[in-house]
């Protein structure tokens, strides 16, 4: 077995990055041309993120620890579901969605199925602003 170093990852079109968001959330990413993996760790309960949708990609979520609320907007109707540790759910293309992580939550996301994009959903944001 041979370890692959970060420079080799780039040669294969894989980029590794991490961010600490302004709200303290930690995001660790491994991104390719048409798929990506994101680990999210919530150190604080911070409310809803920015509502958005993807034109081609689906997002597969696994909640490892804690609780995550997911809001979706389908045919003009908003649905909010709570997912606990061990839960798995999928958000399909063109479905506006938003997530709310409780303090101490950890989730894993795999984005797949097409070109990576991010499109704002102000309609869902407006609905969630008072929740």
C-alpha atoms as a PDB file:
ATOM      1  CA  UNK A   1       0.000   0.000   0.000  1.00  0.00           C
ATOM      2  CA  UNK A   2       1.172   3.514  -0.843  1.00  0.00           C
ATOM      3  CA  UNK A   3      -0.158   6.717   0.661  1.00  0.00           C
ATOM      4  CA  UNK A   4      -1.385   9.378  -1.753  1.00  0.00           C
ATOM      5  CA  UNK A   5      -0.207  12.877  -0.849  1.00  0.00           C
ATOM      6  CA  UNK A   6      -2.228  16.071  -1.312  1.00  0.00           C
ATOM      7  CA  UNK A   7      -0.388  17.035  -4.506  1.00  0.00           C
ATOM      8  CA  UNK A   8      -1.382  13.717  -6.096  1.00  0.00           C
ATOM      9  CA  UNK A   9      -5.003  14.307  -5.100  1.00  0.00           C
ATOM     10  CA  UNK A  10      -4.907  17.440  -7.266  1.00  0.00           C
ATOM     11  CA  UNK A  11      -3.531  15.458 -10.214  1.00  0.00           C
ATOM     12  CA  UNK A  12      -6.651  13.264  -9.991  1.00  0.00           C
ATOM     13  CA  UNK A  13      -8.910  16.329  -9.852  1.00  0.00           C
ATOM     14  CA  UNK A  14      -9.639  15.962  -6.134  1.00  0.00           C
ATOM     15  CA  UNK A  15      -9.396  19.050  -3.934  1.00  0.00           C
ATOM     16  CA  UNK A  16      -9.387  18.970  -0.147  1.00  0.00           C
ATOM     17  CA  UNK A  17     -10.329  22.027   1.890  1.00  0.00           C
ATOM     18  CA  UNK A  18     -11.851  23.084   5.163  1.00  0.00           C
ATOM     19  CA  UNK A  19     -13.606  26.135   6.529  1.00  0.00           C
ATOM     20  CA  UNK A  20     -14.690  27.505   9.843  1.00  0.00           C
ATOM     21  CA  UNK A  21     -17.848  29.436   9.059  1.00  0.00           C
ATOM     22  CA  UNK A  22     -18.664  32.738  10.815  1.00  0.00           C
ATOM     23  CA  UNK A  23     -21.104  30.875  13.082  1.00  0.00           C
ATOM     24  CA  UNK A  24     -18.399  28.421  14.248  1.00  0.00           C
ATOM     25  CA  UNK A  25     -19.540  25.525  12.058  1.00  0.00           C
ATOM     26  CA  UNK A  26     -16.676  23.417  10.729  1.00  0.00           C
ATOM     27  CA  UNK A  27     -16.800  22.086   7.154  1.00  0.00           C
ATOM     28  CA  UNK A  28     -14.300  19.591   5.786  1.00  0.00           C
ATOM     29  CA  UNK A  29     -14.546  18.989   2.018  1.00  0.00           C
ATOM     30  CA  UNK A  30     -13.223  16.623  -0.619  1.00  0.00           C
ATOM     31  CA  UNK A  31     -14.379  17.809  -4.041  1.00  0.00           C
ATOM     32  CA  UNK A  32     -14.113  16.335  -7.532  1.00  0.00           C
ATOM     33  CA  UNK A  33     -15.550  17.476 -10.841  1.00  0.00           C
ATOM     34  CA  UNK A  34     -19.057  16.027 -10.407  1.00  0.00           C
ATOM     35  CA  UNK A  35     -19.153  14.811  -6.818  1.00  0.00           C
ATOM     36  CA  UNK A  36     -18.078  15.909  -3.372  1.00  0.00           C
ATOM     37  CA  UNK A  37     -18.027  14.901   0.266  1.00  0.00           C
ATOM     38  CA  UNK A  38     -18.606  17.329   3.148  1.00  0.00           C
ATOM     39  CA  UNK A  39     -18.339  16.644   6.887  1.00  0.00           C
ATOM     40  CA  UNK A  40     -20.120  19.274   8.977  1.00  0.00           C
ATOM     41  CA  UNK A  41     -19.523  19.711  12.692  1.00  0.00           C
ATOM     42  CA  UNK A  42     -21.755  22.135  14.559  1.00  0.00           C
ATOM     43  CA  UNK A  43     -20.162  23.482  17.704  1.00  0.00           C
ATOM     44  CA  UNK A  44     -23.130  25.768  18.360  1.00  0.00           C
ATOM     45  CA  UNK A  45     -26.820  25.738  17.522  1.00  0.00           C
ATOM     46  CA  UNK A  46     -26.926  28.449  14.872  1.00  0.00           C
ATOM     47  CA  UNK A  47     -30.225  28.433  13.032  1.00  0.00           C
ATOM     48  CA  UNK A  48     -31.028  28.046   9.367  1.00  0.00           C
ATOM     49  CA  UNK A  49     -28.339  28.363   6.723  1.00  0.00           C
ATOM     50  CA  UNK A  50     -28.959  29.895   3.266  1.00  0.00           C
ATOM     51  CA  UNK A  51     -31.728  28.189   1.297  1.00  0.00           C
ATOM     52  CA  UNK A  52     -30.646  26.869  -2.076  1.00  0.00           C
ATOM     53  CA  UNK A  53     -31.052  24.188  -4.719  1.00  0.00           C
ATOM     54  CA  UNK A  54     -28.864  22.354  -7.225  1.00  0.00           C
ATOM     55  CA  UNK A  55     -29.885  21.959 -10.860  1.00  0.00           C
ATOM     56  CA  UNK A  56     -28.376  18.505 -11.421  1.00  0.00           C
ATOM     57  CA  UNK A  57     -26.919  17.172  -8.203  1.00  0.00           C
ATOM     58  CA  UNK A  58     -28.566  15.183  -5.459  1.00  0.00           C
ATOM     59  CA  UNK A  59     -27.353  15.399  -1.869  1.00  0.00           C
ATOM     60  CA  UNK A  60     -27.217  12.290   0.325  1.00  0.00           C
ATOM     61  CA  UNK A  61     -27.041  13.055   4.066  1.00  0.00           C
ATOM     62  CA  UNK A  62     -26.086  10.904   7.040  1.00  0.00           C
ATOM     63  CA  UNK A  63     -26.527  12.307  10.541  1.00  0.00           C
ATOM     64  CA  UNK A  64     -23.736  10.796  12.647  1.00  0.00           C
ATOM     65  CA  UNK A  65     -24.417  12.631  15.894  1.00  0.00           C
ATOM     66  CA  UNK A  66     -27.059  14.981  17.240  1.00  0.00           C
ATOM     67  CA  UNK A  67     -30.002  16.330  15.303  1.00  0.00           C
ATOM     68  CA  UNK A  68     -30.460  18.134  12.007  1.00  0.00           C
ATOM     69  CA  UNK A  69     -33.618  19.807  10.745  1.00  0.00           C
ATOM     70  CA  UNK A  70     -34.119  19.845   6.970  1.00  0.00           C
ATOM     71  CA  UNK A  71     -36.596  22.161   5.247  1.00  0.00           C
ATOM     72  CA  UNK A  72     -37.671  21.562   1.649  1.00  0.00           C
ATOM     73  CA  UNK A  73     -39.921  23.510  -0.704  1.00  0.00           C
ATOM     74  CA  UNK A  74     -41.817  21.289  -3.148  1.00  0.00           C
ATOM     75  CA  UNK A  75     -44.732  22.540  -5.277  1.00  0.00           C
ATOM     76  CA  UNK A  76     -45.102  25.626  -3.098  1.00  0.00           C
ATOM     77  CA  UNK A  77     -45.296  23.617   0.138  1.00  0.00           C
ATOM     78  CA  UNK A  78     -42.634  23.801   2.865  1.00  0.00           C
ATOM     79  CA  UNK A  79     -41.902  20.652   4.836  1.00  0.00           C
ATOM     80  CA  UNK A  80     -39.585  20.522   7.853  1.00  0.00           C
ATOM     81  CA  UNK A  81     -38.300  17.179   9.137  1.00  0.00           C
ATOM     82  CA  UNK A  82     -36.071  16.342  12.091  1.00  0.00           C
ATOM     83  CA  UNK A  83     -33.326  13.764  11.578  1.00  0.00           C
ATOM     84  CA  UNK A  84     -31.477  12.174  14.503  1.00  0.00           C
ATOM     85  CA  UNK A  85     -28.227  10.229  14.722  1.00  0.00           C
ATOM     86  CA  UNK A  86     -28.294   7.299  12.290  1.00  0.00           C
ATOM     87  CA  UNK A  87     -30.782   8.945   9.928  1.00  0.00           C
ATOM     88  CA  UNK A  88     -30.195   9.097   6.188  1.00  0.00           C
ATOM     89  CA  UNK A  89     -32.034  11.345   3.741  1.00  0.00           C
ATOM     90  CA  UNK A  90     -31.684  12.585   0.157  1.00  0.00           C
ATOM     91  CA  UNK A  91     -32.422  15.967  -1.394  1.00  0.00           C
ATOM     92  CA  UNK A  92     -33.036  15.679  -5.141  1.00  0.00           C
ATOM     93  CA  UNK A  93     -32.110  18.192  -7.869  1.00  0.00           C
ATOM     94  CA  UNK A  94     -34.221  21.352  -8.213  1.00  0.00           C
ATOM     95  CA  UNK A  95     -35.598  21.007  -4.649  1.00  0.00           C
ATOM     96  CA  UNK A  96     -34.933  24.146  -2.578  1.00  0.00           C
ATOM     97  CA  UNK A  97     -33.663  23.134   0.847  1.00  0.00           C
ATOM     98  CA  UNK A  98     -32.081  24.416   4.020  1.00  0.00           C
ATOM     99  CA  UNK A  99     -30.542  22.796   7.101  1.00  0.00           C
ATOM    100  CA  UNK A 100     -30.459  23.676  10.783  1.00  0.00           C
ATOM    101  CA  UNK A 101     -27.876  21.827  12.912  1.00  0.00           C
ATOM    102  CA  UNK A 102     -28.278  21.460  16.653  1.00  0.00           C
ATOM    103  CA  UNK A 103     -25.256  22.013  18.894  1.00  0.00           C
ATOM    104  CA  UNK A 104     -22.777  19.127  18.720  1.00  0.00           C
ATOM    105  CA  UNK A 105     -24.238  17.632  15.544  1.00  0.00           C
ATOM    106  CA  UNK A 106     -22.069  15.929  12.939  1.00  0.00           C
ATOM    107  CA  UNK A 107     -23.270  15.098   9.448  1.00  0.00           C
ATOM    108  CA  UNK A 108     -21.805  13.698   6.255  1.00  0.00           C
ATOM    109  CA  UNK A 109     -22.991  14.813   2.814  1.00  0.00           C
ATOM    110  CA  UNK A 110     -22.265  13.325  -0.580  1.00  0.00           C
ATOM    111  CA  UNK A 111     -23.189  15.465  -3.575  1.00  0.00           C
ATOM    112  CA  UNK A 112     -23.432  13.563  -6.840  1.00  0.00           C
ATOM    113  CA  UNK A 113     -25.012  13.391 -10.263  1.00  0.00           C
ATOM    114  CA  UNK A 114     -23.855  16.335 -12.302  1.00  0.00           C
ATOM    115  CA  UNK A 115     -22.341  19.774 -12.424  1.00  0.00           C
ATOM    116  CA  UNK A 116     -21.804  21.412  -9.054  1.00  0.00           C
ATOM    117  CA  UNK A 117     -23.778  24.602  -8.571  1.00  0.00           C
ATOM    118  CA  UNK A 118     -25.523  26.578  -5.857  1.00  0.00           C
ATOM    119  CA  UNK A 119     -28.685  28.584  -6.562  1.00  0.00           C
ATOM    120  CA  UNK A 120     -30.363  30.756  -3.927  1.00  0.00           C
ATOM    121  CA  UNK A 121     -33.972  30.121  -2.894  1.00  0.00           C
ATOM    122  CA  UNK A 122     -35.271  33.377  -1.445  1.00  0.00           C
ATOM    123  CA  UNK A 123     -38.797  31.963  -1.217  1.00  0.00           C
ATOM    124  CA  UNK A 124     -37.687  29.304   1.274  1.00  0.00           C
ATOM    125  CA  UNK A 125     -35.469  31.806   3.128  1.00  0.00           C
ATOM    126  CA  UNK A 126     -38.465  34.121   3.570  1.00  0.00           C
ATOM    127  CA  UNK A 127     -40.547  31.284   4.975  1.00  0.00           C
ATOM    128  CA  UNK A 128     -37.846  30.218   7.456  1.00  0.00           C
ATOM    129  CA  UNK A 129     -36.748  33.652   8.680  1.00  0.00           C
ATOM    130  CA  UNK A 130     -39.224  33.663  11.583  1.00  0.00           C
ATOM    131  CA  UNK A 131     -38.806  30.001  12.570  1.00  0.00           C
END
